[in-house]
Amino acid sequence: MDDILSAALAQLDQELAKRKLTIHIVICGAYAIHLLGYSRAEYTLDVDSITELNSNEVKQIIKEVGQKLGLGPHWLNEQASNHPPANASKKILSDFEETLHDLKKSQNKMSDIEFKQMAYYFGIAIQADLVNIAQKNLSLTFMDIEIFFLSGTLQLKSSRIAESFLCWLLTFGHLLSPAKIRRLILAGYNFDHAILGGFIEFLTENNIMSNQWKIVRPFCKKMSFSQQLLDGPTPRSQSSYFLKYRIIAPQFQLNTHKFLLPVTMIYKNCLELRNRALFGSVVNADVASYLQKNPDSTAYQIAKNTHHHKARVFEVYEDVLAAG
């Protein structure tokens, strides 16, 4: 959902002030959830209010603002005011709690096949027959590196996947953004607290941005009791980085040649990793990647879909436009 709605509300406020008019609205629905900081896959281009808009003059101003910004005449509507007043606030609060719960549960859920397709795109040597159908589509869609990282905490279901992902962290972990990972966690994206801790310890033990992970550590939690990462007998040699979080896992050999595609091929095929390596700046790289795959996108859309702060994206967007 784009912040064009915030711009519309600000412009409406200015127009009402010019005419010495005031209105009071109570926002509900998808835009209210957006204001609470939760992103979601679909857009909304209207604002629902549970308070009635009784003035025809106000309605005309709302219509003019909407038409000027391309939102249509009903971008601010009072349909939700049809709730009986005695029940409205209680019903909306209940709907909010249910929707927010669903959002937190579903932000980055993906099937095993979807994760393997994404892993192959980012360079992990998964069997080609599992991924080749979707590979072409992934090359046309912006793929978020930090969402892939958080999804990885939920997908270590086999020795091959676990070792492959650690090899990927060893090779490309320096391109991750701890600040963006923290932002996604606060936005409600799914992850495993203990596996995340193991990943951070692994990166730290390998001197990969050791000092920068402190902003992510508060979200890492030990298992309540020791558990094995994988089915089978208890490994004799255990991973120290996972053991700190009461996860019993083998001391993987980390054969990058076996578990990753050739690095030159990865950078050639994965635009997001290539731009991270080339640009240095995470925001610049992600904006460039998104625009290369979606050249007609607005700054609002880029900020939403790359999960970066809007003000910073707007600056980069303006620089890109100025550079042609």
C-alpha atoms as a PDB file:
ATOM      1  CA  MET A   1       0.000   0.000   0.000  1.00  0.00           C
ATOM      2  CA  ASP A   2       1.383   3.304  -1.030  1.00  0.00           C
ATOM      3  CA  ASP A   3       1.734   6.400   1.151  1.00  0.00           C
ATOM      4  CA  ILE A   4      -0.125   8.324  -1.528  1.00  0.00           C
ATOM      5  CA  LEU A   5      -3.031   8.002   0.916  1.00  0.00           C
ATOM      6  CA  SER A   6      -1.052   9.893   3.546  1.00  0.00           C
ATOM      7  CA  ALA A   7      -0.348  12.566   0.936  1.00  0.00           C
ATOM      8  CA  ALA A   8      -4.047  12.702   0.097  1.00  0.00           C
ATOM      9  CA  LEU A   9      -5.013  13.121   3.757  1.00  0.00           C
ATOM     10  CA  ALA A  10      -2.424  15.891   4.148  1.00  0.00           C
ATOM     11  CA  GLN A  11      -3.746  17.695   1.067  1.00  0.00           C
ATOM     12  CA  LEU A  12      -7.318  17.280   2.291  1.00  0.00           C
ATOM     13  CA  ASP A  13      -6.304  18.890   5.582  1.00  0.00           C
ATOM     14  CA  GLN A  14      -4.820  21.857   3.700  1.00  0.00           C
ATOM     15  CA  GLU A  15      -7.917  22.311   1.531  1.00  0.00           C
ATOM     16  CA  LEU A  16     -10.233  22.148   4.531  1.00  0.00           C
ATOM     17  CA  ALA A  17      -8.085  24.668   6.405  1.00  0.00           C
ATOM     18  CA  LYS A  18      -8.347  27.116   3.490  1.00  0.00           C
ATOM     19  CA  ARG A  19     -12.135  26.986   3.813  1.00  0.00           C
ATOM     20  CA  LYS A  20     -12.052  26.963   7.623  1.00  0.00           C
ATOM     21  CA  LEU A  21     -13.673  23.541   7.716  1.00  0.00           C
ATOM     22  CA  THR A  22     -12.855  20.618   9.999  1.00  0.00           C
ATOM     23  CA  ILE A  23     -13.800  16.949  10.055  1.00  0.00           C
ATOM     24  CA  HIS A  24     -13.090  14.134  12.489  1.00  0.00           C
ATOM     25  CA  ILE A  25     -12.572  10.649  11.100  1.00  0.00           C
ATOM     26  CA  VAL A  26     -11.854   7.321  12.770  1.00  0.00           C
ATOM     27  CA  ILE A  27      -9.887   5.144  10.350  1.00  0.00           C
ATOM     28  CA  CYS A  28     -10.399   1.392  10.191  1.00  0.00           C
ATOM     29  CA  GLY A  29      -9.666  -1.412   7.736  1.00  0.00           C
ATOM     30  CA  ALA A  30      -6.513  -2.143   5.732  1.00  0.00           C
ATOM     31  CA  TYR A  31      -5.141   1.404   5.853  1.00  0.00           C
ATOM     32  CA  ALA A  32      -5.430   1.493   9.638  1.00  0.00           C
ATOM     33  CA  ILE A  33      -3.409  -1.723   9.791  1.00  0.00           C
ATOM     34  CA  HIS A  34      -0.826  -0.126   7.487  1.00  0.00           C
ATOM     35  CA  LEU A  35      -0.547   2.827   9.881  1.00  0.00           C
ATOM     36  CA  LEU A  36       0.250   0.369  12.666  1.00  0.00           C
ATOM     37  CA  GLY A  37       3.329  -0.689  10.716  1.00  0.00           C
ATOM     38  CA  TYR A  38       2.235  -3.950   9.120  1.00  0.00           C
ATOM     39  CA  SER A  39       2.809  -4.508   5.415  1.00  0.00           C
ATOM     40  CA  ARG A  40       0.713  -6.864   3.379  1.00  0.00           C
ATOM     41  CA  ALA A  41       0.807  -8.295  -0.108  1.00  0.00           C
ATOM     42  CA  GLU A  42      -2.190  -6.471  -1.583  1.00  0.00           C
ATOM     43  CA  TYR A  43      -2.602  -2.736  -2.064  1.00  0.00           C
ATOM     44  CA  THR A  44      -5.406  -0.581  -0.719  1.00  0.00           C
ATOM     45  CA  LEU A  45      -6.193   2.718  -2.344  1.00  0.00           C
ATOM     46  CA  ASP A  46      -8.927   3.930  -0.022  1.00  0.00           C
ATOM     47  CA  VAL A  47      -9.413   5.014   3.579  1.00  0.00           C
ATOM     48  CA  ASP A  48     -12.378   3.594   5.491  1.00  0.00           C
ATOM     49  CA  SER A  49     -13.924   5.719   8.227  1.00  0.00           C
ATOM     50  CA  ILE A  50     -16.493   4.710  10.849  1.00  0.00           C
ATOM     51  CA  THR A  51     -17.599   8.348  11.193  1.00  0.00           C
ATOM     52  CA  GLU A  52     -20.121   9.822   8.768  1.00  0.00           C
ATOM     53  CA  LEU A  53     -19.214  12.609   6.339  1.00  0.00           C
ATOM     54  CA  ASN A  54     -22.388  14.693   6.475  1.00  0.00           C
ATOM     55  CA  SER A  55     -21.242  17.855   4.687  1.00  0.00           C
ATOM     56  CA  ASN A  56     -21.680  17.962   0.908  1.00  0.00           C
ATOM     57  CA  GLU A  57     -19.003  20.657   0.743  1.00  0.00           C
ATOM     58  CA  VAL A  58     -16.522  18.350   2.497  1.00  0.00           C
ATOM     59  CA  LYS A  59     -17.479  15.471   0.207  1.00  0.00           C
ATOM     60  CA  GLN A  60     -16.812  17.652  -2.838  1.00  0.00           C
ATOM     61  CA  ILE A  61     -13.340  18.568  -1.525  1.00  0.00           C
ATOM     62  CA  ILE A  62     -12.590  14.886  -0.888  1.00  0.00           C
ATOM     63  CA  LYS A  63     -13.651  14.121  -4.453  1.00  0.00           C
ATOM     64  CA  GLU A  64     -11.422  16.881  -5.893  1.00  0.00           C
ATOM     65  CA  VAL A  65      -8.369  15.722  -3.923  1.00  0.00           C
ATOM     66  CA  GLY A  66      -8.929  12.141  -5.062  1.00  0.00           C
ATOM     67  CA  GLN A  67      -9.250  13.103  -8.712  1.00  0.00           C
ATOM     68  CA  LYS A  68      -6.154  15.292  -8.545  1.00  0.00           C
ATOM     69  CA  LEU A  69      -4.046  12.438  -7.138  1.00  0.00           C
ATOM     70  CA  GLY A  70      -5.569   9.742  -9.341  1.00  0.00           C
ATOM     71  CA  LEU A  71      -7.326   7.982  -6.472  1.00  0.00           C
ATOM     72  CA  GLY A  72     -10.901   8.452  -7.652  1.00  0.00           C
ATOM     73  CA  PRO A  73     -13.744  10.262  -5.880  1.00  0.00           C
ATOM     74  CA  HIS A  74     -14.327   7.708  -3.109  1.00  0.00           C
ATOM     75  CA  TRP A  75     -10.787   7.314  -1.742  1.00  0.00           C
ATOM     76  CA  LEU A  76     -12.077   8.482   1.672  1.00  0.00           C
ATOM     77  CA  ASN A  77     -15.404   6.825   2.364  1.00  0.00           C
ATOM     78  CA  GLU A  78     -17.855   6.299   5.193  1.00  0.00           C
ATOM     79  CA  GLN A  79     -19.067   2.812   4.319  1.00  0.00           C
ATOM     80  CA  ALA A  80     -17.837   1.451   7.652  1.00  0.00           C
ATOM     81  CA  SER A  81     -20.153   3.906   9.446  1.00  0.00           C
ATOM     82  CA  ASN A  82     -22.992   1.506   8.664  1.00  0.00           C
ATOM     83  CA  HIS A  83     -21.969  -0.494  11.762  1.00  0.00           C
ATOM     84  CA  PRO A  84     -24.386   0.147  14.621  1.00  0.00           C
ATOM     85  CA  PRO A  85     -22.672   2.759  16.852  1.00  0.00           C
ATOM     86  CA  ALA A  86     -22.914   0.610  19.967  1.00  0.00           C
ATOM     87  CA  ASN A  87     -21.136  -2.301  18.292  1.00  0.00           C
ATOM     88  CA  ALA A  88     -18.764  -0.546  15.906  1.00  0.00           C
ATOM     89  CA  SER A  89     -15.727  -0.028  18.118  1.00  0.00           C
ATOM     90  CA  LYS A  90     -15.938  -3.515  19.619  1.00  0.00           C
ATOM     91  CA  LYS A  91     -16.281  -5.179  16.211  1.00  0.00           C
ATOM     92  CA  ILE A  92     -13.414  -3.185  14.679  1.00  0.00           C
ATOM     93  CA  LEU A  93     -11.118  -3.967  17.616  1.00  0.00           C
ATOM     94  CA  SER A  94     -11.946  -7.663  17.237  1.00  0.00           C
ATOM     95  CA  ASP A  95     -11.306  -7.524  13.475  1.00  0.00           C
ATOM     96  CA  PHE A  96      -7.978  -5.742  14.088  1.00  0.00           C
ATOM     97  CA  GLU A  97      -6.771  -8.361  16.544  1.00  0.00           C
ATOM     98  CA  GLU A  98      -7.703 -11.204  14.184  1.00  0.00           C
ATOM     99  CA  THR A  99      -6.146  -9.545  11.130  1.00  0.00           C
ATOM    100  CA  LEU A 100      -2.926  -8.590  12.891  1.00  0.00           C
ATOM    101  CA  HIS A 101      -2.587 -12.152  14.183  1.00  0.00           C
ATOM    102  CA  ASP A 102      -3.028 -13.503  10.635  1.00  0.00           C
ATOM    103  CA  LEU A 103      -0.530 -11.003   9.261  1.00  0.00           C
ATOM    104  CA  LYS A 104       2.151 -12.014  11.726  1.00  0.00           C
ATOM    105  CA  LYS A 105       1.614 -15.677  10.928  1.00  0.00           C
ATOM    106  CA  SER A 106       1.656 -15.287   7.136  1.00  0.00           C
ATOM    107  CA  GLN A 107       4.133 -12.522   6.273  1.00  0.00           C
ATOM    108  CA  ASN A 108       6.830 -14.775   4.798  1.00  0.00           C
ATOM    109  CA  LYS A 109       5.348 -18.260   4.932  1.00  0.00           C
ATOM    110  CA  MET A 110       6.335 -20.389   1.964  1.00  0.00           C
ATOM    111  CA  SER A 111       6.187 -24.026   1.019  1.00  0.00           C
ATOM    112  CA  ASP A 112       9.255 -26.246   0.824  1.00  0.00           C
ATOM    113  CA  ILE A 113       9.187 -26.025  -2.979  1.00  0.00           C
ATOM    114  CA  GLU A 114       8.872 -22.229  -2.928  1.00  0.00           C
ATOM    115  CA  PHE A 115      11.843 -21.974  -0.594  1.00  0.00           C
ATOM    116  CA  LYS A 116      13.923 -24.317  -2.764  1.00  0.00           C
ATOM    117  CA  GLN A 117      13.069 -22.256  -5.835  1.00  0.00           C
ATOM    118  CA  MET A 118      14.166 -19.105  -4.028  1.00  0.00           C
ATOM    119  CA  ALA A 119      17.306 -20.845  -2.731  1.00  0.00           C
ATOM    120  CA  TYR A 120      18.264 -21.908  -6.246  1.00  0.00           C
ATOM    121  CA  TYR A 121      17.808 -18.342  -7.498  1.00  0.00           C
ATOM    122  CA  PHE A 122      20.179 -17.127  -4.768  1.00  0.00           C
ATOM    123  CA  GLY A 123      22.779 -19.712  -5.733  1.00  0.00           C
ATOM    124  CA  ILE A 124      22.188 -22.850  -3.667  1.00  0.00           C
ATOM    125  CA  ALA A 125      22.672 -26.034  -5.695  1.00  0.00           C
ATOM    126  CA  ILE A 126      19.204 -27.558  -5.356  1.00  0.00           C
ATOM    127  CA  GLN A 127      18.166 -30.259  -7.836  1.00  0.00           C
ATOM    128  CA  ALA A 128      17.228 -28.516 -11.062  1.00  0.00           C
ATOM    129  CA  ASP A 129      14.023 -30.519 -11.621  1.00  0.00           C
ATOM    130  CA  LEU A 130      12.535 -28.934  -8.494  1.00  0.00           C
ATOM    131  CA  VAL A 131      13.167 -25.378  -9.543  1.00  0.00           C
ATOM    132  CA  ASN A 132      13.492 -24.958 -13.295  1.00  0.00           C
ATOM    133  CA  ILE A 133       9.804 -24.231 -13.899  1.00  0.00           C
ATOM    134  CA  ALA A 134       9.765 -21.138 -11.665  1.00  0.00           C
ATOM    135  CA  GLN A 135      13.285 -19.942 -12.389  1.00  0.00           C
ATOM    136  CA  LYS A 136      12.272 -17.718 -15.290  1.00  0.00           C
ATOM    137  CA  ASN A 137       9.571 -16.016 -13.216  1.00  0.00           C
ATOM    138  CA  LEU A 138      11.930 -15.364 -10.294  1.00  0.00           C
ATOM    139  CA  SER A 139      14.347 -13.585 -12.615  1.00  0.00           C
ATOM    140  CA  LEU A 140      11.563 -11.077 -13.376  1.00  0.00           C
ATOM    141  CA  THR A 141      10.463 -10.539  -9.762  1.00  0.00           C
ATOM    142  CA  PHE A 142      12.296  -8.593  -7.058  1.00  0.00           C
ATOM    143  CA  MET A 143      13.642 -11.144  -4.587  1.00  0.00           C
ATOM    144  CA  ASP A 144      14.340  -9.829  -1.106  1.00  0.00           C
ATOM    145  CA  ILE A 145      17.623 -11.098   0.322  1.00  0.00           C
ATOM    146  CA  GLU A 146      16.693 -10.517   3.962  1.00  0.00           C
ATOM    147  CA  ILE A 147      13.318 -12.260   3.593  1.00  0.00           C
ATOM    148  CA  PHE A 148      15.242 -15.220   2.154  1.00  0.00           C
ATOM    149  CA  PHE A 149      17.515 -15.125   5.211  1.00  0.00           C
ATOM    150  CA  LEU A 150      14.619 -15.113   7.703  1.00  0.00           C
ATOM    151  CA  SER A 151      12.794 -17.825   5.749  1.00  0.00           C
ATOM    152  CA  GLY A 152      15.934 -19.933   6.007  1.00  0.00           C
ATOM    153  CA  THR A 153      15.525 -20.105   9.782  1.00  0.00           C
ATOM    154  CA  LEU A 154      12.326 -22.082   9.183  1.00  0.00           C
ATOM    155  CA  GLN A 155      13.582 -24.402   6.457  1.00  0.00           C
ATOM    156  CA  LEU A 156      16.526 -26.406   7.840  1.00  0.00           C
ATOM    157  CA  LYS A 157      14.690 -29.709   7.423  1.00  0.00           C
ATOM    158  CA  SER A 158      17.497 -31.796   5.952  1.00  0.00           C
ATOM    159  CA  SER A 159      21.254 -32.028   6.253  1.00  0.00           C
ATOM    160  CA  ARG A 160      21.673 -30.859   2.667  1.00  0.00           C
ATOM    161  CA  ILE A 161      19.513 -27.753   3.100  1.00  0.00           C
ATOM    162  CA  ALA A 162      21.201 -26.876   6.414  1.00  0.00           C
ATOM    163  CA  GLU A 163      24.733 -27.219   5.072  1.00  0.00           C
ATOM    164  CA  SER A 164      23.831 -25.462   1.831  1.00  0.00           C
ATOM    165  CA  PHE A 165      22.366 -22.494   3.662  1.00  0.00           C
ATOM    166  CA  LEU A 166      25.415 -22.190   5.924  1.00  0.00           C
ATOM    167  CA  CYS A 167      27.649 -22.280   2.841  1.00  0.00           C
ATOM    168  CA  TRP A 168      25.537 -19.468   1.404  1.00  0.00           C
ATOM    169  CA  LEU A 169      25.924 -17.430   4.596  1.00  0.00           C
ATOM    170  CA  LEU A 170      29.665 -18.020   4.536  1.00  0.00           C
ATOM    171  CA  THR A 171      29.876 -16.717   0.960  1.00  0.00           C
ATOM    172  CA  PHE A 172      27.237 -13.969   0.852  1.00  0.00           C
ATOM    173  CA  GLY A 173      26.544 -13.140   4.506  1.00  0.00           C
ATOM    174  CA  HIS A 174      28.560  -9.926   4.193  1.00  0.00           C
ATOM    175  CA  LEU A 175      25.901  -8.599   1.791  1.00  0.00           C
ATOM    176  CA  LEU A 176      23.088  -8.912   4.348  1.00  0.00           C
ATOM    177  CA  SER A 177      21.649  -5.898   6.138  1.00  0.00           C
ATOM    178  CA  PRO A 178      21.220  -6.427   9.920  1.00  0.00           C
ATOM    179  CA  ALA A 179      19.162  -3.226  10.095  1.00  0.00           C
ATOM    180  CA  LYS A 180      16.741  -4.463   7.450  1.00  0.00           C
ATOM    181  CA  ILE A 181      16.481  -7.877   9.120  1.00  0.00           C
ATOM    182  CA  ARG A 182      15.558  -6.115  12.351  1.00  0.00           C
ATOM    183  CA  ARG A 183      12.978  -4.017  10.480  1.00  0.00           C
ATOM    184  CA  LEU A 184      11.352  -7.117   8.980  1.00  0.00           C
ATOM    185  CA  ILE A 185      11.232  -8.827  12.373  1.00  0.00           C
ATOM    186  CA  LEU A 186       9.524  -5.795  13.919  1.00  0.00           C
ATOM    187  CA  ALA A 187       7.063  -5.809  11.009  1.00  0.00           C
ATOM    188  CA  GLY A 188       6.011  -9.336  11.960  1.00  0.00           C
ATOM    189  CA  TYR A 189       7.907 -11.555   9.544  1.00  0.00           C
ATOM    190  CA  ASN A 190       8.176 -15.187  10.601  1.00  0.00           C
ATOM    191  CA  PHE A 191      11.445 -16.647  11.858  1.00  0.00           C
ATOM    192  CA  ASP A 192      12.797 -19.165  14.346  1.00  0.00           C
ATOM    193  CA  HIS A 193      14.392 -17.388  17.331  1.00  0.00           C
ATOM    194  CA  ALA A 194      16.872 -20.158  18.122  1.00  0.00           C
ATOM    195  CA  ILE A 195      17.952 -20.849  14.524  1.00  0.00           C
ATOM    196  CA  LEU A 196      18.382 -17.109  14.024  1.00  0.00           C
ATOM    197  CA  GLY A 197      20.711 -17.120  17.028  1.00  0.00           C
ATOM    198  CA  GLY A 198      22.669 -20.003  15.513  1.00  0.00           C
ATOM    199  CA  PHE A 199      23.028 -18.115  12.225  1.00  0.00           C
ATOM    200  CA  ILE A 200      24.244 -14.970  14.012  1.00  0.00           C
ATOM    201  CA  GLU A 201      26.786 -16.997  16.023  1.00  0.00           C
ATOM    202  CA  PHE A 202      27.930 -18.703  12.815  1.00  0.00           C
ATOM    203  CA  LEU A 203      28.456 -15.356  11.088  1.00  0.00           C
ATOM    204  CA  THR A 204      30.248 -13.962  14.134  1.00  0.00           C
ATOM    205  CA  GLU A 205      32.543 -16.993  14.459  1.00  0.00           C
ATOM    206  CA  ASN A 206      33.497 -16.485  10.811  1.00  0.00           C
ATOM    207  CA  ASN A 207      34.164 -12.756  11.329  1.00  0.00           C
ATOM    208  CA  ILE A 208      31.344 -11.683   9.012  1.00  0.00           C
ATOM    209  CA  MET A 209      30.182  -8.239  10.179  1.00  0.00           C
ATOM    210  CA  SER A 210      30.646  -9.361  13.777  1.00  0.00           C
ATOM    211  CA  ASN A 211      29.909  -5.999  15.401  1.00  0.00           C
ATOM    212  CA  GLN A 212      26.809  -5.250  13.350  1.00  0.00           C
ATOM    213  CA  TRP A 213      24.697  -8.178  14.529  1.00  0.00           C
ATOM    214  CA  LYS A 214      24.125  -6.729  17.999  1.00  0.00           C
ATOM    215  CA  ILE A 215      20.885  -5.061  16.817  1.00  0.00           C
ATOM    216  CA  VAL A 216      19.513  -8.505  15.854  1.00  0.00           C
ATOM    217  CA  ARG A 217      20.667 -10.418  18.954  1.00  0.00           C
ATOM    218  CA  PRO A 218      17.723  -9.301  21.163  1.00  0.00           C
ATOM    219  CA  PHE A 219      15.477 -11.406  18.901  1.00  0.00           C
ATOM    220  CA  CYS A 220      17.566 -14.569  19.372  1.00  0.00           C
ATOM    221  CA  LYS A 221      16.353 -16.977  22.078  1.00  0.00           C
ATOM    222  CA  LYS A 222      17.577 -20.341  23.293  1.00  0.00           C
ATOM    223  CA  MET A 223      15.410 -23.425  23.023  1.00  0.00           C
ATOM    224  CA  SER A 224      13.605 -24.288  26.268  1.00  0.00           C
ATOM    225  CA  PHE A 225      15.508 -27.589  26.240  1.00  0.00           C
ATOM    226  CA  SER A 226      18.129 -29.161  23.962  1.00  0.00           C
ATOM    227  CA  GLN A 227      16.764 -30.436  20.655  1.00  0.00           C
ATOM    228  CA  GLN A 228      18.304 -31.977  17.576  1.00  0.00           C
ATOM    229  CA  LEU A 229      18.186 -29.961  14.394  1.00  0.00           C
ATOM    230  CA  LEU A 230      17.903 -33.077  12.231  1.00  0.00           C
ATOM    231  CA  ASP A 231      16.430 -36.535  12.656  1.00  0.00           C
ATOM    232  CA  GLY A 232      18.801 -39.406  13.336  1.00  0.00           C
ATOM    233  CA  PRO A 233      21.497 -40.288  15.876  1.00  0.00           C
ATOM    234  CA  THR A 234      23.081 -37.588  18.006  1.00  0.00           C
ATOM    235  CA  PRO A 235      26.156 -36.246  16.197  1.00  0.00           C
ATOM    236  CA  ARG A 236      29.490 -36.798  17.926  1.00  0.00           C
ATOM    237  CA  SER A 237      30.951 -33.527  16.696  1.00  0.00           C
ATOM    238  CA  GLN A 238      28.473 -30.707  17.257  1.00  0.00           C
ATOM    239  CA  SER A 239      28.229 -27.158  15.902  1.00  0.00           C
ATOM    240  CA  SER A 240      29.262 -24.667  18.573  1.00  0.00           C
ATOM    241  CA  TYR A 241      27.184 -21.866  17.030  1.00  0.00           C
ATOM    242  CA  PHE A 242      23.944 -23.867  17.239  1.00  0.00           C
ATOM    243  CA  LEU A 243      24.810 -25.410  20.602  1.00  0.00           C
ATOM    244  CA  LYS A 244      24.719 -21.951  22.234  1.00  0.00           C
ATOM    245  CA  TYR A 245      20.997 -21.961  21.524  1.00  0.00           C
ATOM    246  CA  ARG A 246      20.466 -25.560  22.704  1.00  0.00           C
ATOM    247  CA  ILE A 247      20.285 -26.897  19.175  1.00  0.00           C
ATOM    248  CA  ILE A 248      22.206 -30.110  18.597  1.00  0.00           C
ATOM    249  CA  ALA A 249      23.534 -30.119  15.041  1.00  0.00           C
ATOM    250  CA  PRO A 250      26.557 -31.731  13.356  1.00  0.00           C
ATOM    251  CA  GLN A 251      29.734 -29.777  12.717  1.00  0.00           C
ATOM    252  CA  PHE A 252      29.103 -29.299   9.010  1.00  0.00           C
ATOM    253  CA  GLN A 253      32.065 -29.490   6.601  1.00  0.00           C
ATOM    254  CA  LEU A 254      30.816 -26.496   4.558  1.00  0.00           C
ATOM    255  CA  ASN A 255      31.858 -27.636   1.114  1.00  0.00           C
ATOM    256  CA  THR A 256      30.862 -24.557  -0.885  1.00  0.00           C
ATOM    257  CA  HIS A 257      31.911 -26.142  -4.192  1.00  0.00           C
ATOM    258  CA  LYS A 258      29.414 -28.944  -3.592  1.00  0.00           C
ATOM    259  CA  PHE A 259      26.505 -26.999  -2.177  1.00  0.00           C
ATOM    260  CA  LEU A 260      26.658 -23.703  -4.112  1.00  0.00           C
ATOM    261  CA  LEU A 261      26.591 -22.912  -7.794  1.00  0.00           C
ATOM    262  CA  PRO A 262      29.778 -21.234  -9.115  1.00  0.00           C
ATOM    263  CA  VAL A 263      29.991 -17.732  -7.627  1.00  0.00           C
ATOM    264  CA  THR A 264      30.436 -16.095 -11.037  1.00  0.00           C
ATOM    265  CA  MET A 265      27.235 -17.796 -12.210  1.00  0.00           C
ATOM    266  CA  ILE A 266      25.374 -16.683  -9.083  1.00  0.00           C
ATOM    267  CA  TYR A 267      26.310 -13.049  -9.579  1.00  0.00           C
ATOM    268  CA  LYS A 268      25.419 -13.284 -13.250  1.00  0.00           C
ATOM    269  CA  ASN A 269      21.973 -14.777 -12.629  1.00  0.00           C
ATOM    270  CA  CYS A 270      20.979 -13.054  -9.378  1.00  0.00           C
ATOM    271  CA  LEU A 271      20.509  -9.327  -9.932  1.00  0.00           C
ATOM    272  CA  GLU A 272      19.902  -8.551  -6.242  1.00  0.00           C
ATOM    273  CA  LEU A 273      23.180 -10.100  -5.056  1.00  0.00           C
ATOM    274  CA  ARG A 274      25.111  -8.590  -7.941  1.00  0.00           C
ATOM    275  CA  ASN A 275      23.869  -5.082  -7.188  1.00  0.00           C
ATOM    276  CA  ARG A 276      24.566  -5.494  -3.466  1.00  0.00           C
ATOM    277  CA  ALA A 277      28.163  -6.367  -4.342  1.00  0.00           C
ATOM    278  CA  LEU A 278      28.498  -3.530  -6.854  1.00  0.00           C
ATOM    279  CA  PHE A 279      26.759  -0.656  -5.050  1.00  0.00           C
ATOM    280  CA  GLY A 280      27.929  -1.085  -1.465  1.00  0.00           C
ATOM    281  CA  SER A 281      24.817   0.747  -0.223  1.00  0.00           C
ATOM    282  CA  VAL A 282      21.984  -1.660   0.563  1.00  0.00           C
ATOM    283  CA  VAL A 283      19.250   0.878  -0.242  1.00  0.00           C
ATOM    284  CA  ASN A 284      20.849   1.949  -3.527  1.00  0.00           C
ATOM    285  CA  ALA A 285      21.316  -1.664  -4.570  1.00  0.00           C
ATOM    286  CA  ASP A 286      17.741  -2.677  -3.785  1.00  0.00           C
ATOM    287  CA  VAL A 287      16.231   0.367  -5.490  1.00  0.00           C
ATOM    288  CA  ALA A 288      18.333  -0.282  -8.585  1.00  0.00           C
ATOM    289  CA  SER A 289      17.360  -3.974  -8.610  1.00  0.00           C
ATOM    290  CA  TYR A 290      13.681  -3.189  -8.211  1.00  0.00           C
ATOM    291  CA  LEU A 291      13.724  -0.579 -10.977  1.00  0.00           C
ATOM    292  CA  GLN A 292      15.561  -2.895 -13.347  1.00  0.00           C
ATOM    293  CA  LYS A 293      12.811  -5.479 -12.921  1.00  0.00           C
ATOM    294  CA  ASN A 294       9.939  -2.974 -12.590  1.00  0.00           C
ATOM    295  CA  PRO A 295      10.986   0.116 -14.577  1.00  0.00           C
ATOM    296  CA  ASP A 296       7.618   1.904 -14.281  1.00  0.00           C
ATOM    297  CA  SER A 297       7.443   1.708 -10.494  1.00  0.00           C
ATOM    298  CA  THR A 298       6.895   4.733  -8.281  1.00  0.00           C
ATOM    299  CA  ALA A 299       9.052   5.556  -5.270  1.00  0.00           C
ATOM    300  CA  TYR A 300       6.109   4.581  -3.041  1.00  0.00           C
ATOM    301  CA  GLN A 301       5.938   1.091  -4.547  1.00  0.00           C
ATOM    302  CA  ILE A 302       9.690   0.607  -4.281  1.00  0.00           C
ATOM    303  CA  ALA A 303       9.767   1.612  -0.613  1.00  0.00           C
ATOM    304  CA  LYS A 304       6.901  -0.749   0.195  1.00  0.00           C
ATOM    305  CA  ASN A 305       8.273  -3.756  -1.665  1.00  0.00           C
ATOM    306  CA  THR A 306      11.948  -3.376  -0.709  1.00  0.00           C
ATOM    307  CA  HIS A 307      11.112  -2.693   2.972  1.00  0.00           C
ATOM    308  CA  HIS A 308      13.341   0.373   3.240  1.00  0.00           C
ATOM    309  CA  HIS A 309      12.565   3.715   4.876  1.00  0.00           C
ATOM    310  CA  LYS A 310      10.530   5.830   2.487  1.00  0.00           C
ATOM    311  CA  ALA A 311      12.569   9.011   2.848  1.00  0.00           C
ATOM    312  CA  ARG A 312      15.791   7.222   1.920  1.00  0.00           C
ATOM    313  CA  VAL A 313      14.174   5.478  -1.049  1.00  0.00           C
ATOM    314  CA  PHE A 314      12.811   8.782  -2.320  1.00  0.00           C
ATOM    315  CA  GLU A 315      16.321  10.299  -2.255  1.00  0.00           C
ATOM    316  CA  VAL A 316      17.783   7.406  -4.220  1.00  0.00           C
ATOM    317  CA  TYR A 317      14.824   7.408  -6.616  1.00  0.00           C
ATOM    318  CA  GLU A 318      15.355  11.094  -7.394  1.00  0.00           C
ATOM    319  CA  ASP A 319      19.061  10.466  -8.034  1.00  0.00           C
ATOM    320  CA  VAL A 320      18.214   7.628 -10.423  1.00  0.00           C
ATOM    321  CA  LEU A 321      15.764   9.818 -12.334  1.00  0.00           C
ATOM    322  CA  ALA A 322      18.261  12.665 -12.500  1.00  0.00           C
ATOM    323  CA  ALA A 323      20.930  10.309 -13.847  1.00  0.00           C
ATOM    324  CA  GLY A 324      18.580   9.137 -16.569  1.00  0.00           C
END
